[in-house]
Amino acid sequence: VQFVESGGGLVQPGGSLRLSCEASGFTFSRYAMSWYRQAPGKERELVATIHSSSGSTNYADSVKGRFTISRDNAKNTVYLQMNSLKPEDTAVYYCTAFGTNWWGQGTQVTVSS
C-alpha cells in the first residue's frame, strides 16, 4: 500500500491550496478515504472523510465550510480543496484509507504572512 500526497506549501492567510493523494496497492474504490493533519506538538486529527459508494462527506468542525474533500476512483486519487486558510491550519496533512493504519509521508501546509 502506498500513498503519495502532494500540493502542500506556504500560503498567506485567506489563501487556498489543493492537496492530492494518489493511492496504490489496494482496491481504492472500496474504501472510504480520509485526510488527517498533525501540527507540531499536537495529536493527529481527522479533517475530512469521503465514503466509497455514496460519496457522502464528513468534516471536522474546524474546517467546515472552508475545506472540500473529493475523490476520483478512476485515478485512485483523493483531493482536499482548502480555502480561507488560517494560521491554525498549519500542519502536515496525510491521507489514508479510513479505518486502516496505512499512511503516506504527508505534505506540509504552512499558513503564514
C-alpha atoms as a PDB file:
ATOM      1  CA  VAL A   1       0.000   0.000   0.000  1.00  0.00           C
ATOM      2  CA  GLN A   2       1.298   3.424  -0.930  1.00  0.00           C
ATOM      3  CA  PHE A   3       0.005   6.989  -0.684  1.00  0.00           C
ATOM      4  CA  VAL A   4       1.703   9.891  -2.411  1.00  0.00           C
ATOM      5  CA  GLU A   5       0.486  13.237  -1.078  1.00  0.00           C
ATOM      6  CA  SER A   6       1.262  16.474  -2.891  1.00  0.00           C
ATOM      7  CA  GLY A   7       0.129  20.072  -3.203  1.00  0.00           C
ATOM      8  CA  GLY A   8       1.292  21.474   0.111  1.00  0.00           C
ATOM      9  CA  GLY A   9       3.296  24.653   0.512  1.00  0.00           C
ATOM     10  CA  LEU A  10       3.443  28.095   2.028  1.00  0.00           C
ATOM     11  CA  VAL A  11       0.359  30.278   1.652  1.00  0.00           C
ATOM     12  CA  GLN A  12      -0.822  33.536   3.175  1.00  0.00           C
ATOM     13  CA  PRO A  13      -3.839  33.644   5.471  1.00  0.00           C
ATOM     14  CA  GLY A  14      -7.007  33.685   3.404  1.00  0.00           C
ATOM     15  CA  GLY A  15      -5.355  31.784   0.579  1.00  0.00           C
ATOM     16  CA  SER A  16      -6.127  28.410  -0.965  1.00  0.00           C
ATOM     17  CA  LEU A  17      -4.381  25.125  -1.645  1.00  0.00           C
ATOM     18  CA  ARG A  18      -5.452  21.870  -3.251  1.00  0.00           C
ATOM     19  CA  LEU A  19      -3.921  18.688  -1.887  1.00  0.00           C
ATOM     20  CA  SER A  20      -3.831  15.459  -3.884  1.00  0.00           C
ATOM     21  CA  CYS A  21      -3.204  11.910  -2.748  1.00  0.00           C
ATOM     22  CA  GLU A  22      -2.603   9.122  -5.229  1.00  0.00           C
ATOM     23  CA  ALA A  23      -3.143   5.673  -3.729  1.00  0.00           C
ATOM     24  CA  SER A  24      -1.986   2.234  -4.852  1.00  0.00           C
ATOM     25  CA  GLY A  25      -1.777  -1.317  -3.584  1.00  0.00           C
ATOM     26  CA  PHE A  26      -5.425  -1.807  -2.635  1.00  0.00           C
ATOM     27  CA  THR A  27      -8.882  -1.526  -4.203  1.00  0.00           C
ATOM     28  CA  PHE A  28      -9.310   2.208  -3.819  1.00  0.00           C
ATOM     29  CA  SER A  29     -12.973   2.346  -4.795  1.00  0.00           C
ATOM     30  CA  ARG A  30     -13.976   0.041  -1.929  1.00  0.00           C
ATOM     31  CA  TYR A  31     -12.631   2.259   0.842  1.00  0.00           C
ATOM     32  CA  ALA A  32     -13.723   5.459   2.459  1.00  0.00           C
ATOM     33  CA  MET A  33     -10.806   7.872   2.271  1.00  0.00           C
ATOM     34  CA  SER A  34      -9.765  10.437   4.828  1.00  0.00           C
ATOM     35  CA  TRP A  35      -7.438  13.345   5.309  1.00  0.00           C
ATOM     36  CA  TYR A  36      -5.766  13.824   8.688  1.00  0.00           C
ATOM     37  CA  ARG A  37      -3.398  16.525   9.866  1.00  0.00           C
ATOM     38  CA  GLN A  38      -0.792  16.830  12.595  1.00  0.00           C
ATOM     39  CA  ALA A  39       0.508  20.130  13.885  1.00  0.00           C
ATOM     40  CA  PRO A  40       3.758  20.369  15.867  1.00  0.00           C
ATOM     41  CA  GLY A  41       3.260  19.148  19.422  1.00  0.00           C
ATOM     42  CA  LYS A  42      -0.307  18.007  18.760  1.00  0.00           C
ATOM     43  CA  GLU A  43      -2.021  14.707  18.082  1.00  0.00           C
ATOM     44  CA  ARG A  44      -3.027  13.721  14.592  1.00  0.00           C
ATOM     45  CA  GLU A  45      -6.631  14.788  13.931  1.00  0.00           C
ATOM     46  CA  LEU A  46      -9.241  13.735  11.415  1.00  0.00           C
ATOM     47  CA  VAL A  47     -10.025  16.538   8.973  1.00  0.00           C
ATOM     48  CA  ALA A  48     -12.397  15.032   6.402  1.00  0.00           C
ATOM     49  CA  THR A  49     -13.751  11.713   5.117  1.00  0.00           C
ATOM     50  CA  ILE A  50     -15.419  10.750   1.865  1.00  0.00           C
ATOM     51  CA  HIS A  51     -17.278   7.465   1.679  1.00  0.00           C
ATOM     52  CA  SER A  52     -16.699   4.930  -1.028  1.00  0.00           C
ATOM     53  CA  SER A  53     -20.086   4.270  -2.554  1.00  0.00           C
ATOM     54  CA  SER A  54     -22.322   7.181  -1.628  1.00  0.00           C
ATOM     55  CA  GLY A  55     -19.647   9.842  -1.866  1.00  0.00           C
ATOM     56  CA  SER A  56     -21.028  11.402   1.288  1.00  0.00           C
ATOM     57  CA  THR A  57     -18.612  13.536   3.257  1.00  0.00           C
ATOM     58  CA  ASN A  58     -17.847  14.447   6.858  1.00  0.00           C
ATOM     59  CA  TYR A  59     -15.710  17.295   8.177  1.00  0.00           C
ATOM     60  CA  ALA A  60     -14.162  18.402  11.413  1.00  0.00           C
ATOM     61  CA  ASP A  61     -15.971  21.435  12.813  1.00  0.00           C
ATOM     62  CA  SER A  62     -12.797  23.482  12.467  1.00  0.00           C
ATOM     63  CA  VAL A  63     -12.785  23.174   8.659  1.00  0.00           C
ATOM     64  CA  LYS A  64     -16.489  23.004   7.760  1.00  0.00           C
ATOM     65  CA  GLY A  65     -17.386  25.477   5.060  1.00  0.00           C
ATOM     66  CA  ARG A  66     -13.739  26.013   4.114  1.00  0.00           C
ATOM     67  CA  PHE A  67     -12.440  22.582   3.046  1.00  0.00           C
ATOM     68  CA  THR A  68     -13.890  20.181   0.472  1.00  0.00           C
ATOM     69  CA  ILE A  69     -12.884  16.550   0.070  1.00  0.00           C
ATOM     70  CA  SER A  70     -13.451  14.748  -3.225  1.00  0.00           C
ATOM     71  CA  ARG A  71     -12.274  11.628  -4.996  1.00  0.00           C
ATOM     72  CA  ASP A  72     -11.682  10.255  -8.480  1.00  0.00           C
ATOM     73  CA  ASN A  73     -11.916   6.463  -8.392  1.00  0.00           C
ATOM     74  CA  ALA A  74     -10.655   6.182 -11.962  1.00  0.00           C
ATOM     75  CA  LYS A  75      -7.410   7.844 -10.880  1.00  0.00           C
ATOM     76  CA  ASN A  76      -7.207   6.299  -7.388  1.00  0.00           C
ATOM     77  CA  THR A  77      -6.884   9.825  -6.087  1.00  0.00           C
ATOM     78  CA  VAL A  78      -8.441  11.791  -3.254  1.00  0.00           C
ATOM     79  CA  TYR A  79      -8.304  15.580  -3.048  1.00  0.00           C
ATOM     80  CA  LEU A  80      -8.645  18.230  -0.372  1.00  0.00           C
ATOM     81  CA  GLN A  81      -9.532  21.733  -1.527  1.00  0.00           C
ATOM     82  CA  MET A  82      -8.652  24.175   1.236  1.00  0.00           C
ATOM     83  CA  ASN A  83      -9.968  27.738   1.098  1.00  0.00           C
ATOM     84  CA  SER A  84      -9.840  30.663   3.524  1.00  0.00           C
ATOM     85  CA  LEU A  85      -6.787  29.159   5.150  1.00  0.00           C
ATOM     86  CA  LYS A  86      -5.846  30.213   8.670  1.00  0.00           C
ATOM     87  CA  PRO A  87      -2.536  30.004  10.548  1.00  0.00           C
ATOM     88  CA  GLU A  88      -4.048  27.275  12.739  1.00  0.00           C
ATOM     89  CA  ASP A  89      -4.386  25.090   9.618  1.00  0.00           C
ATOM     90  CA  THR A  90      -0.585  24.772   9.558  1.00  0.00           C
ATOM     91  CA  ALA A  91       0.254  21.064   9.803  1.00  0.00           C
ATOM     92  CA  VAL A  92       1.467  18.035   7.930  1.00  0.00           C
ATOM     93  CA  TYR A  93      -1.503  16.603   6.031  1.00  0.00           C
ATOM     94  CA  TYR A  94      -1.865  12.863   5.466  1.00  0.00           C
ATOM     95  CA  CYS A  95      -4.349  10.782   3.516  1.00  0.00           C
ATOM     96  CA  THR A  96      -5.379   7.280   4.468  1.00  0.00           C
ATOM     97  CA  ALA A  97      -7.978   4.626   3.836  1.00  0.00           C
ATOM     98  CA  PHE A  98     -10.399   5.138   6.710  1.00  0.00           C
ATOM     99  CA  GLY A  99     -10.095   2.553   9.469  1.00  0.00           C
ATOM    100  CA  THR A 100      -6.668   1.323   8.392  1.00  0.00           C
ATOM    101  CA  ASN A 101      -3.190   2.068   9.652  1.00  0.00           C
ATOM    102  CA  TRP A 102      -1.830   2.854   6.215  1.00  0.00           C
ATOM    103  CA  TRP A 103      -0.053   6.197   5.940  1.00  0.00           C
ATOM    104  CA  GLY A 104       1.936   8.152   3.399  1.00  0.00           C
ATOM    105  CA  GLN A 105       4.747  10.608   4.013  1.00  0.00           C
ATOM    106  CA  GLY A 106       2.402  13.587   4.268  1.00  0.00           C
ATOM    107  CA  THR A 107       2.604  17.048   2.758  1.00  0.00           C
ATOM    108  CA  GLN A 108       3.437  20.184   4.722  1.00  0.00           C
ATOM    109  CA  VAL A 109       0.975  23.078   4.717  1.00  0.00           C
ATOM    110  CA  THR A 110       2.153  26.342   6.243  1.00  0.00           C
ATOM    111  CA  VAL A 111      -0.183  29.327   6.543  1.00  0.00           C
ATOM    112  CA  SER A 112       1.744  32.464   7.383  1.00  0.00           C
ATOM    113  CA  SER A 113       2.148  36.054   6.319  1.00  0.00           C
END
